[in-house]
Amino acid sequence: MTLRLTLRAAPDQRVDLSALTPDRLASLTPAAIERLEIQTTRTKRHLAELFRLRHGTPDTIAIEGGSDRLDRVGQGMTGGLLVLDGDAGAYLGQGIAGGRIDARGHAGAYAASGATGGQIEIGGDAGDYLGGALPGMPAGMAGGLVIVRGGAGARPADRLRRGLIVIERDCGDAPASRMIAGTLIVCGTAGPRPGMLMRRGTLILSAAAPLPSFVPNGTPAPVFLRLLARALHPLDGRIGSRRAARLVASVARAYAGDMAALGKGELLLPTRAG
């Protein structure tokens, strides 16, 4: 039976929900869960003051009601399922290592930053620096799968080290900026400066004007594209993106770059791209 938490009212302060993950709640009694201290902007409050609880097995947590002030949802998860039926604030899934987060609304900045595994699905839009590096950190997301059904803000996959990010609609400025490795797919329109200072990795766009520091590099490896397209199809309850799979299947042109950095990354485009 799912552990359900229903938001009592829209929060008037920012709320840190990093304590609410299946692994952190597994050893707690129902009474201890209700008394769990939750940090807000100015004070700490008991979980039961913020949410009505319907107790169940905490390997699946459902949060009913959302807000852009609910920060750090699913931070550091190592397993289980967390469903947020609403919006999330900043740092959704930051540092997730395993399990799955199903966020059905919008998410704030730095979603999936520092992730090393697991799966995150965002039903709406994501903010700036999706999977990107936090200030002062050498890298952003380092593993796992993130699929955004809407769009994203500026600099998604900034300093991405490993993993796969799919944005099904548009994104802002400088997708895959300073990318170290990994893959970013943008199915809609990407903002200016795609792949700025990327060192390695793969950026797949539906259309783009490559930076002058990217050079034509023939056609991409067909085996890699077939395997990637196959992996994106949702099977057996695994999340995926048919839209991204169709884009990958249409890729026909490759550019190497950014030559202003290490220059071992690749920008892949379909034939129809301008």
C-alpha atoms as a PDB file:
ATOM      1  CA  MET A   1       0.000   0.000   0.000  1.00  0.00           C
ATOM      2  CA  THR A   2       1.357   3.434  -0.984  1.00  0.00           C
ATOM      3  CA  LEU A   3       2.338   6.034   1.598  1.00  0.00           C
ATOM      4  CA  ARG A   4       0.271   9.087   0.609  1.00  0.00           C
ATOM      5  CA  LEU A   5       0.918  12.657   1.655  1.00  0.00           C
ATOM      6  CA  THR A   6      -1.610  15.354   0.783  1.00  0.00           C
ATOM      7  CA  LEU A   7      -0.470  18.959   0.983  1.00  0.00           C
ATOM      8  CA  ARG A   8      -2.662  20.790   3.497  1.00  0.00           C
ATOM      9  CA  ALA A   9      -2.203  24.255   1.951  1.00  0.00           C
ATOM     10  CA  ALA A  10       0.035  26.084  -0.462  1.00  0.00           C
ATOM     11  CA  PRO A  11       3.263  26.726   1.492  1.00  0.00           C
ATOM     12  CA  ASP A  12       4.093  30.318   2.406  1.00  0.00           C
ATOM     13  CA  GLN A  13       7.809  29.494   2.660  1.00  0.00           C
ATOM     14  CA  ARG A  14      10.234  27.281   0.778  1.00  0.00           C
ATOM     15  CA  VAL A  15      10.072  23.690   2.003  1.00  0.00           C
ATOM     16  CA  ASP A  16      12.956  21.190   1.948  1.00  0.00           C
ATOM     17  CA  LEU A  17      11.497  17.732   1.224  1.00  0.00           C
ATOM     18  CA  SER A  18      14.805  15.884   0.928  1.00  0.00           C
ATOM     19  CA  ALA A  19      13.857  13.694   3.918  1.00  0.00           C
ATOM     20  CA  LEU A  20      10.914  12.149   2.045  1.00  0.00           C
ATOM     21  CA  THR A  21      12.505   9.313   0.084  1.00  0.00           C
ATOM     22  CA  PRO A  22      11.662   5.597   0.288  1.00  0.00           C
ATOM     23  CA  ASP A  23      15.086   4.644   1.664  1.00  0.00           C
ATOM     24  CA  ARG A  24      15.030   7.318   4.386  1.00  0.00           C
ATOM     25  CA  LEU A  25      11.517   6.430   5.572  1.00  0.00           C
ATOM     26  CA  ALA A  26      11.879   2.629   5.385  1.00  0.00           C
ATOM     27  CA  SER A  27      13.012   2.213   9.007  1.00  0.00           C
ATOM     28  CA  LEU A  28      10.570   4.706  10.546  1.00  0.00           C
ATOM     29  CA  THR A  29       7.291   3.935  12.281  1.00  0.00           C
ATOM     30  CA  PRO A  30       4.129   5.773  11.181  1.00  0.00           C
ATOM     31  CA  ALA A  31       4.333   7.968  14.285  1.00  0.00           C
ATOM     32  CA  ALA A  32       7.964   8.808  13.590  1.00  0.00           C
ATOM     33  CA  ILE A  33       7.127   9.747  10.014  1.00  0.00           C
ATOM     34  CA  GLU A  34       4.445  12.163  11.215  1.00  0.00           C
ATOM     35  CA  ARG A  35       6.928  13.780  13.626  1.00  0.00           C
ATOM     36  CA  LEU A  36       9.657  14.066  11.012  1.00  0.00           C
ATOM     37  CA  GLU A  37      11.136  17.568  11.059  1.00  0.00           C
ATOM     38  CA  ILE A  38      10.954  19.415   7.739  1.00  0.00           C
ATOM     39  CA  GLN A  39      13.058  22.513   7.201  1.00  0.00           C
ATOM     40  CA  THR A  40      11.313  25.593   5.830  1.00  0.00           C
ATOM     41  CA  THR A  41      12.810  28.992   5.052  1.00  0.00           C
ATOM     42  CA  ARG A  42      12.667  30.247   8.638  1.00  0.00           C
ATOM     43  CA  THR A  43      11.925  27.274  10.881  1.00  0.00           C
ATOM     44  CA  LYS A  44      11.358  23.531  11.152  1.00  0.00           C
ATOM     45  CA  ARG A  45       7.905  21.975  11.176  1.00  0.00           C
ATOM     46  CA  HIS A  46       6.635  18.451  11.680  1.00  0.00           C
ATOM     47  CA  LEU A  47       5.612  16.634   8.527  1.00  0.00           C
ATOM     48  CA  ALA A  48       2.038  16.221   9.788  1.00  0.00           C
ATOM     49  CA  GLU A  49       1.686  20.006  10.013  1.00  0.00           C
ATOM     50  CA  LEU A  50       2.304  20.312   6.274  1.00  0.00           C
ATOM     51  CA  PHE A  51       0.705  17.120   4.965  1.00  0.00           C
ATOM     52  CA  ARG A  52      -2.181  14.809   5.758  1.00  0.00           C
ATOM     53  CA  LEU A  53      -0.797  11.282   5.839  1.00  0.00           C
ATOM     54  CA  ARG A  54      -2.326   8.001   4.763  1.00  0.00           C
ATOM     55  CA  HIS A  55       0.144   5.426   5.951  1.00  0.00           C
ATOM     56  CA  GLY A  56       1.429   2.600   3.824  1.00  0.00           C
ATOM     57  CA  THR A  57       4.640   0.953   2.721  1.00  0.00           C
ATOM     58  CA  PRO A  58       7.164   3.738   2.045  1.00  0.00           C
ATOM     59  CA  ASP A  59       8.816   1.997  -0.910  1.00  0.00           C
ATOM     60  CA  THR A  60       6.223   3.963  -2.894  1.00  0.00           C
ATOM     61  CA  ILE A  61       5.506   7.552  -1.841  1.00  0.00           C
ATOM     62  CA  ALA A  62       2.767   9.646  -3.458  1.00  0.00           C
ATOM     63  CA  ILE A  63       2.671  13.390  -2.794  1.00  0.00           C
ATOM     64  CA  GLU A  64      -0.690  14.889  -3.735  1.00  0.00           C
ATOM     65  CA  GLY A  65      -0.557  18.600  -4.440  1.00  0.00           C
ATOM     66  CA  GLY A  66       2.496  20.531  -5.534  1.00  0.00           C
ATOM     67  CA  SER A  67       4.116  23.947  -5.396  1.00  0.00           C
ATOM     68  CA  ASP A  68       7.156  25.663  -6.858  1.00  0.00           C
ATOM     69  CA  ARG A  69       8.240  26.091  -3.231  1.00  0.00           C
ATOM     70  CA  LEU A  70       8.662  22.344  -2.637  1.00  0.00           C
ATOM     71  CA  ASP A  71      12.436  21.981  -3.025  1.00  0.00           C
ATOM     72  CA  ARG A  72      14.718  18.924  -3.125  1.00  0.00           C
ATOM     73  CA  VAL A  73      11.965  16.416  -3.847  1.00  0.00           C
ATOM     74  CA  GLY A  74      13.582  12.986  -4.140  1.00  0.00           C
ATOM     75  CA  GLN A  75      17.063  14.293  -3.385  1.00  0.00           C
ATOM     76  CA  GLY A  76      19.575  11.459  -3.028  1.00  0.00           C
ATOM     77  CA  MET A  77      17.057   8.633  -3.602  1.00  0.00           C
ATOM     78  CA  THR A  78      18.588   5.173  -3.929  1.00  0.00           C
ATOM     79  CA  GLY A  79      15.492   3.121  -4.752  1.00  0.00           C
ATOM     80  CA  GLY A  80      11.717   2.912  -4.780  1.00  0.00           C
ATOM     81  CA  LEU A  81       9.151   5.153  -6.473  1.00  0.00           C
ATOM     82  CA  LEU A  82       8.226   8.738  -5.648  1.00  0.00           C
ATOM     83  CA  VAL A  83       5.222  10.293  -7.402  1.00  0.00           C
ATOM     84  CA  LEU A  84       4.592  14.033  -7.153  1.00  0.00           C
ATOM     85  CA  ASP A  85       1.172  14.973  -8.477  1.00  0.00           C
ATOM     86  CA  GLY A  86       1.927  18.651  -8.965  1.00  0.00           C
ATOM     87  CA  ASP A  87       4.747  21.137  -9.390  1.00  0.00           C
ATOM     88  CA  ALA A  88       8.174  20.925  -7.793  1.00  0.00           C
ATOM     89  CA  GLY A  89      10.619  23.614  -6.803  1.00  0.00           C
ATOM     90  CA  ALA A  90      14.378  23.610  -7.287  1.00  0.00           C
ATOM     91  CA  TYR A  91      16.729  20.611  -7.127  1.00  0.00           C
ATOM     92  CA  LEU A  92      14.205  17.906  -8.019  1.00  0.00           C
ATOM     93  CA  GLY A  93      16.049  14.571  -7.878  1.00  0.00           C
ATOM     94  CA  GLN A  94      19.388  16.164  -7.096  1.00  0.00           C
ATOM     95  CA  GLY A  95      21.954  13.398  -6.547  1.00  0.00           C
ATOM     96  CA  ILE A  96      19.501  10.556  -7.209  1.00  0.00           C
ATOM     97  CA  ALA A  97      21.326   7.214  -7.406  1.00  0.00           C
ATOM     98  CA  GLY A  98      18.457   4.789  -8.020  1.00  0.00           C
ATOM     99  CA  GLY A  99      14.699   4.392  -8.134  1.00  0.00           C
ATOM    100  CA  ARG A 100      12.264   6.527 -10.071  1.00  0.00           C
ATOM    101  CA  ILE A 101      10.719   9.975  -9.654  1.00  0.00           C
ATOM    102  CA  ASP A 102       7.490  10.719 -11.511  1.00  0.00           C
ATOM    103  CA  ALA A 103       6.886  14.477 -11.241  1.00  0.00           C
ATOM    104  CA  ARG A 104       3.670  15.298 -13.088  1.00  0.00           C
ATOM    105  CA  GLY A 105       3.907  19.086 -13.071  1.00  0.00           C
ATOM    106  CA  HIS A 106       6.674  21.604 -13.699  1.00  0.00           C
ATOM    107  CA  ALA A 107      10.066  21.566 -11.994  1.00  0.00           C
ATOM    108  CA  GLY A 108      12.424  24.365 -10.994  1.00  0.00           C
ATOM    109  CA  ALA A 109      16.115  24.893 -11.624  1.00  0.00           C
ATOM    110  CA  TYR A 110      18.841  22.264 -11.296  1.00  0.00           C
ATOM    111  CA  ALA A 111      16.590  19.213 -11.591  1.00  0.00           C
ATOM    112  CA  ALA A 112      18.710  16.018 -11.676  1.00  0.00           C
ATOM    113  CA  SER A 113      21.907  17.914 -10.894  1.00  0.00           C
ATOM    114  CA  GLY A 114      24.498  15.447  -9.618  1.00  0.00           C
ATOM    115  CA  ALA A 115      22.352  12.391 -10.401  1.00  0.00           C
ATOM    116  CA  THR A 116      24.333   9.163 -10.753  1.00  0.00           C
ATOM    117  CA  GLY A 117      21.514   6.761 -11.637  1.00  0.00           C
ATOM    118  CA  GLY A 118      17.777   6.183 -11.502  1.00  0.00           C
ATOM    119  CA  GLN A 119      15.026   7.645 -13.663  1.00  0.00           C
ATOM    120  CA  ILE A 120      13.255  11.006 -13.539  1.00  0.00           C
ATOM    121  CA  GLU A 121      10.204  11.916 -15.584  1.00  0.00           C
ATOM    122  CA  ILE A 122       8.928  15.515 -15.555  1.00  0.00           C
ATOM    123  CA  GLY A 123       5.441  15.905 -16.994  1.00  0.00           C
ATOM    124  CA  GLY A 124       5.649  19.664 -17.542  1.00  0.00           C
ATOM    125  CA  ASP A 125       8.550  22.045 -18.058  1.00  0.00           C
ATOM    126  CA  ALA A 126      11.926  22.098 -16.308  1.00  0.00           C
ATOM    127  CA  GLY A 127      13.818  25.198 -15.221  1.00  0.00           C
ATOM    128  CA  ASP A 128      17.341  26.343 -15.993  1.00  0.00           C
ATOM    129  CA  TYR A 129      20.356  24.045 -15.673  1.00  0.00           C
ATOM    130  CA  LEU A 130      18.471  20.775 -16.055  1.00  0.00           C
ATOM    131  CA  GLY A 131      21.041  18.120 -15.143  1.00  0.00           C
ATOM    132  CA  GLY A 132      23.572  20.920 -14.857  1.00  0.00           C
ATOM    133  CA  ALA A 133      26.407  21.638 -12.469  1.00  0.00           C
ATOM    134  CA  LEU A 134      25.693  23.512  -9.258  1.00  0.00           C
ATOM    135  CA  PRO A 135      27.826  26.618  -8.653  1.00  0.00           C
ATOM    136  CA  GLY A 136      31.309  25.522  -7.638  1.00  0.00           C
ATOM    137  CA  MET A 137      30.796  21.903  -8.719  1.00  0.00           C
ATOM    138  CA  PRO A 138      33.007  20.391 -11.458  1.00  0.00           C
ATOM    139  CA  ALA A 139      30.207  18.404 -13.133  1.00  0.00           C
ATOM    140  CA  GLY A 140      26.466  18.060 -13.334  1.00  0.00           C
ATOM    141  CA  MET A 141      24.496  14.859 -13.867  1.00  0.00           C
ATOM    142  CA  ALA A 142      26.749  11.767 -13.911  1.00  0.00           C
ATOM    143  CA  GLY A 143      24.314   8.967 -14.785  1.00  0.00           C
ATOM    144  CA  GLY A 144      20.694   7.957 -15.125  1.00  0.00           C
ATOM    145  CA  LEU A 145      17.813   8.905 -17.408  1.00  0.00           C
ATOM    146  CA  VAL A 146      15.776  12.136 -17.411  1.00  0.00           C
ATOM    147  CA  ILE A 147      12.796  12.725 -19.691  1.00  0.00           C
ATOM    148  CA  VAL A 148      11.011  16.086 -19.770  1.00  0.00           C
ATOM    149  CA  ARG A 149       7.654  16.000 -21.539  1.00  0.00           C
ATOM    150  CA  GLY A 150       7.587  19.782 -21.861  1.00  0.00           C
ATOM    151  CA  GLY A 151      10.386  22.261 -22.436  1.00  0.00           C
ATOM    152  CA  ALA A 152      13.391  23.394 -20.408  1.00  0.00           C
ATOM    153  CA  GLY A 153      15.143  26.631 -19.562  1.00  0.00           C
ATOM    154  CA  ALA A 154      18.658  27.741 -20.332  1.00  0.00           C
ATOM    155  CA  ARG A 155      21.773  25.565 -20.319  1.00  0.00           C
ATOM    156  CA  PRO A 156      20.329  22.074 -19.950  1.00  0.00           C
ATOM    157  CA  ALA A 157      23.057  19.415 -19.525  1.00  0.00           C
ATOM    158  CA  ASP A 158      25.635  22.013 -18.513  1.00  0.00           C
ATOM    159  CA  ARG A 159      28.812  20.086 -17.617  1.00  0.00           C
ATOM    160  CA  LEU A 160      26.939  16.807 -18.098  1.00  0.00           C
ATOM    161  CA  ARG A 161      29.340  13.960 -17.289  1.00  0.00           C
ATOM    162  CA  ARG A 162      27.244  10.877 -18.065  1.00  0.00           C
ATOM    163  CA  GLY A 163      23.640   9.773 -18.641  1.00  0.00           C
ATOM    164  CA  LEU A 164      20.803  10.646 -21.013  1.00  0.00           C
ATOM    165  CA  ILE A 165      18.523  13.707 -20.954  1.00  0.00           C
ATOM    166  CA  VAL A 166      15.536  14.038 -23.313  1.00  0.00           C
ATOM    167  CA  ILE A 167      13.576  17.294 -23.709  1.00  0.00           C
ATOM    168  CA  GLU A 168      10.485  16.674 -25.823  1.00  0.00           C
ATOM    169  CA  ARG A 169       9.787  20.339 -26.586  1.00  0.00           C
ATOM    170  CA  ASP A 170      11.896  23.523 -26.695  1.00  0.00           C
ATOM    171  CA  CYS A 171      14.829  24.591 -24.555  1.00  0.00           C
ATOM    172  CA  GLY A 172      16.649  27.820 -23.861  1.00  0.00           C
ATOM    173  CA  ASP A 173      20.111  29.145 -24.523  1.00  0.00           C
ATOM    174  CA  ALA A 174      23.265  26.997 -24.730  1.00  0.00           C
ATOM    175  CA  PRO A 175      22.058  23.397 -24.480  1.00  0.00           C
ATOM    176  CA  ALA A 176      24.941  21.024 -23.622  1.00  0.00           C
ATOM    177  CA  SER A 177      27.214  23.908 -22.657  1.00  0.00           C
ATOM    178  CA  ARG A 178      30.583  22.684 -21.338  1.00  0.00           C
ATOM    179  CA  MET A 179      29.409  19.068 -21.741  1.00  0.00           C
ATOM    180  CA  ILE A 180      31.990  16.513 -20.561  1.00  0.00           C
ATOM    181  CA  ALA A 181      30.214  13.364 -21.806  1.00  0.00           C
ATOM    182  CA  GLY A 182      26.709  11.871 -22.007  1.00  0.00           C
ATOM    183  CA  THR A 183      23.797  12.621 -24.321  1.00  0.00           C
ATOM    184  CA  LEU A 184      21.236  15.417 -24.599  1.00  0.00           C
ATOM    185  CA  ILE A 185      18.308  15.188 -27.049  1.00  0.00           C
ATOM    186  CA  VAL A 186      16.088  18.224 -27.727  1.00  0.00           C
ATOM    187  CA  CYS A 187      13.047  17.392 -29.860  1.00  0.00           C
ATOM    188  CA  GLY A 188      11.764  20.965 -30.190  1.00  0.00           C
ATOM    189  CA  THR A 189      13.561  24.216 -30.922  1.00  0.00           C
ATOM    190  CA  ALA A 190      16.865  24.822 -29.167  1.00  0.00           C
ATOM    191  CA  GLY A 191      18.078  28.239 -28.139  1.00  0.00           C
ATOM    192  CA  PRO A 192      21.235  29.900 -29.472  1.00  0.00           C
ATOM    193  CA  ARG A 193      24.796  28.669 -28.843  1.00  0.00           C
ATOM    194  CA  PRO A 194      24.108  24.907 -28.851  1.00  0.00           C
ATOM    195  CA  GLY A 195      27.045  22.889 -27.563  1.00  0.00           C
ATOM    196  CA  MET A 196      28.992  25.948 -26.434  1.00  0.00           C
ATOM    197  CA  LEU A 197      32.411  24.795 -25.147  1.00  0.00           C
ATOM    198  CA  MET A 198      31.365  21.129 -25.080  1.00  0.00           C
ATOM    199  CA  ARG A 199      34.368  18.814 -24.768  1.00  0.00           C
ATOM    200  CA  ARG A 200      32.868  15.383 -25.449  1.00  0.00           C
ATOM    201  CA  GLY A 201      29.410  13.827 -25.568  1.00  0.00           C
ATOM    202  CA  THR A 202      26.486  13.909 -27.970  1.00  0.00           C
ATOM    203  CA  LEU A 203      23.942  16.657 -28.610  1.00  0.00           C
ATOM    204  CA  ILE A 204      21.009  15.729 -30.860  1.00  0.00           C
ATOM    205  CA  LEU A 205      18.749  18.543 -32.061  1.00  0.00           C
ATOM    206  CA  SER A 206      15.786  18.689 -34.419  1.00  0.00           C
ATOM    207  CA  ALA A 207      17.156  21.931 -35.910  1.00  0.00           C
ATOM    208  CA  ALA A 208      20.052  24.246 -35.192  1.00  0.00           C
ATOM    209  CA  ALA A 209      22.526  26.671 -36.658  1.00  0.00           C
ATOM    210  CA  PRO A 210      25.855  25.193 -35.506  1.00  0.00           C
ATOM    211  CA  LEU A 211      28.363  27.545 -33.945  1.00  0.00           C
ATOM    212  CA  PRO A 212      31.279  28.542 -36.196  1.00  0.00           C
ATOM    213  CA  SER A 213      33.536  26.470 -33.933  1.00  0.00           C
ATOM    214  CA  PHE A 214      31.759  23.244 -35.035  1.00  0.00           C
ATOM    215  CA  VAL A 215      32.949  21.592 -38.239  1.00  0.00           C
ATOM    216  CA  PRO A 216      31.142  19.105 -40.532  1.00  0.00           C
ATOM    217  CA  ASN A 217      32.093  15.535 -39.670  1.00  0.00           C
ATOM    218  CA  GLY A 218      30.238  13.371 -42.196  1.00  0.00           C
ATOM    219  CA  THR A 219      27.492  11.023 -41.048  1.00  0.00           C
ATOM    220  CA  PRO A 220      27.042   9.598 -37.534  1.00  0.00           C
ATOM    221  CA  ALA A 221      27.576   5.936 -36.645  1.00  0.00           C
ATOM    222  CA  PRO A 222      24.383   4.062 -37.643  1.00  0.00           C
ATOM    223  CA  VAL A 223      24.816   1.340 -35.009  1.00  0.00           C
ATOM    224  CA  PHE A 224      24.899   3.902 -32.196  1.00  0.00           C
ATOM    225  CA  LEU A 225      21.770   5.602 -33.519  1.00  0.00           C
ATOM    226  CA  ARG A 226      19.846   2.335 -33.867  1.00  0.00           C
ATOM    227  CA  LEU A 227      20.714   1.290 -30.330  1.00  0.00           C
ATOM    228  CA  LEU A 228      19.810   4.712 -28.934  1.00  0.00           C
ATOM    229  CA  ALA A 229      16.464   4.802 -30.778  1.00  0.00           C
ATOM    230  CA  ARG A 230      15.641   1.322 -29.516  1.00  0.00           C
ATOM    231  CA  ALA A 231      16.530   2.247 -25.940  1.00  0.00           C
ATOM    232  CA  LEU A 232      14.189   5.243 -26.066  1.00  0.00           C
ATOM    233  CA  HIS A 233      11.067   3.198 -26.800  1.00  0.00           C
ATOM    234  CA  PRO A 234       9.120   2.656 -23.539  1.00  0.00           C
ATOM    235  CA  LEU A 235       8.878  -1.079 -22.797  1.00  0.00           C
ATOM    236  CA  ASP A 236       7.789  -3.111 -19.753  1.00  0.00           C
ATOM    237  CA  GLY A 237       6.937  -0.069 -17.665  1.00  0.00           C
ATOM    238  CA  ARG A 238      10.247   1.688 -18.377  1.00  0.00           C
ATOM    239  CA  ILE A 239       9.951   5.339 -19.285  1.00  0.00           C
ATOM    240  CA  GLY A 240      10.993   6.406 -22.741  1.00  0.00           C
ATOM    241  CA  SER A 241      10.203   8.829 -25.542  1.00  0.00           C
ATOM    242  CA  ARG A 242       8.825   7.825 -28.915  1.00  0.00           C
ATOM    243  CA  ARG A 243       9.253  11.402 -30.093  1.00  0.00           C
ATOM    244  CA  ALA A 244      12.964  11.310 -29.301  1.00  0.00           C
ATOM    245  CA  ALA A 245      13.285   7.871 -30.898  1.00  0.00           C
ATOM    246  CA  ARG A 246      11.827   9.263 -34.150  1.00  0.00           C
ATOM    247  CA  LEU A 247      14.255  12.185 -34.065  1.00  0.00           C
ATOM    248  CA  VAL A 248      17.221   9.882 -33.507  1.00  0.00           C
ATOM    249  CA  ALA A 249      16.108   7.690 -36.415  1.00  0.00           C
ATOM    250  CA  SER A 250      16.104  10.753 -38.715  1.00  0.00           C
ATOM    251  CA  VAL A 251      19.632  11.919 -37.868  1.00  0.00           C
ATOM    252  CA  ALA A 252      21.869  12.174 -40.954  1.00  0.00           C
ATOM    253  CA  ARG A 253      24.491  14.874 -40.342  1.00  0.00           C
ATOM    254  CA  ALA A 254      27.289  15.176 -37.803  1.00  0.00           C
ATOM    255  CA  TYR A 255      29.395  18.115 -36.643  1.00  0.00           C
ATOM    256  CA  ALA A 256      32.472  17.900 -34.423  1.00  0.00           C
ATOM    257  CA  GLY A 257      33.105  20.428 -31.716  1.00  0.00           C
ATOM    258  CA  ASP A 258      33.382  22.593 -29.858  1.00  0.00           C
ATOM    259  CA  MET A 259      36.781  23.343 -31.419  1.00  0.00           C
ATOM    260  CA  ALA A 260      37.069  26.237 -28.970  1.00  0.00           C
ATOM    261  CA  ALA A 261      37.325  23.560 -26.247  1.00  0.00           C
ATOM    262  CA  LEU A 262      38.567  19.958 -26.526  1.00  0.00           C
ATOM    263  CA  GLY A 263      36.540  19.479 -29.708  1.00  0.00           C
ATOM    264  CA  LYS A 264      35.652  15.794 -29.285  1.00  0.00           C
ATOM    265  CA  GLY A 265      31.920  16.278 -28.921  1.00  0.00           C
ATOM    266  CA  GLU A 266      29.335  15.737 -31.637  1.00  0.00           C
ATOM    267  CA  LEU A 267      26.266  17.674 -32.737  1.00  0.00           C
ATOM    268  CA  LEU A 268      23.845  15.484 -34.697  1.00  0.00           C
ATOM    269  CA  LEU A 269      21.072  16.847 -36.926  1.00  0.00           C
ATOM    270  CA  PRO A 270      18.432  15.381 -39.231  1.00  0.00           C
ATOM    271  CA  THR A 271      18.513  16.026 -42.967  1.00  0.00           C
ATOM    272  CA  ARG A 272      15.751  18.602 -42.792  1.00  0.00           C
ATOM    273  CA  ALA A 273      17.555  20.781 -40.238  1.00  0.00           C
ATOM    274  CA  GLY A 274      18.685  24.223 -41.312  1.00  0.00           C
END
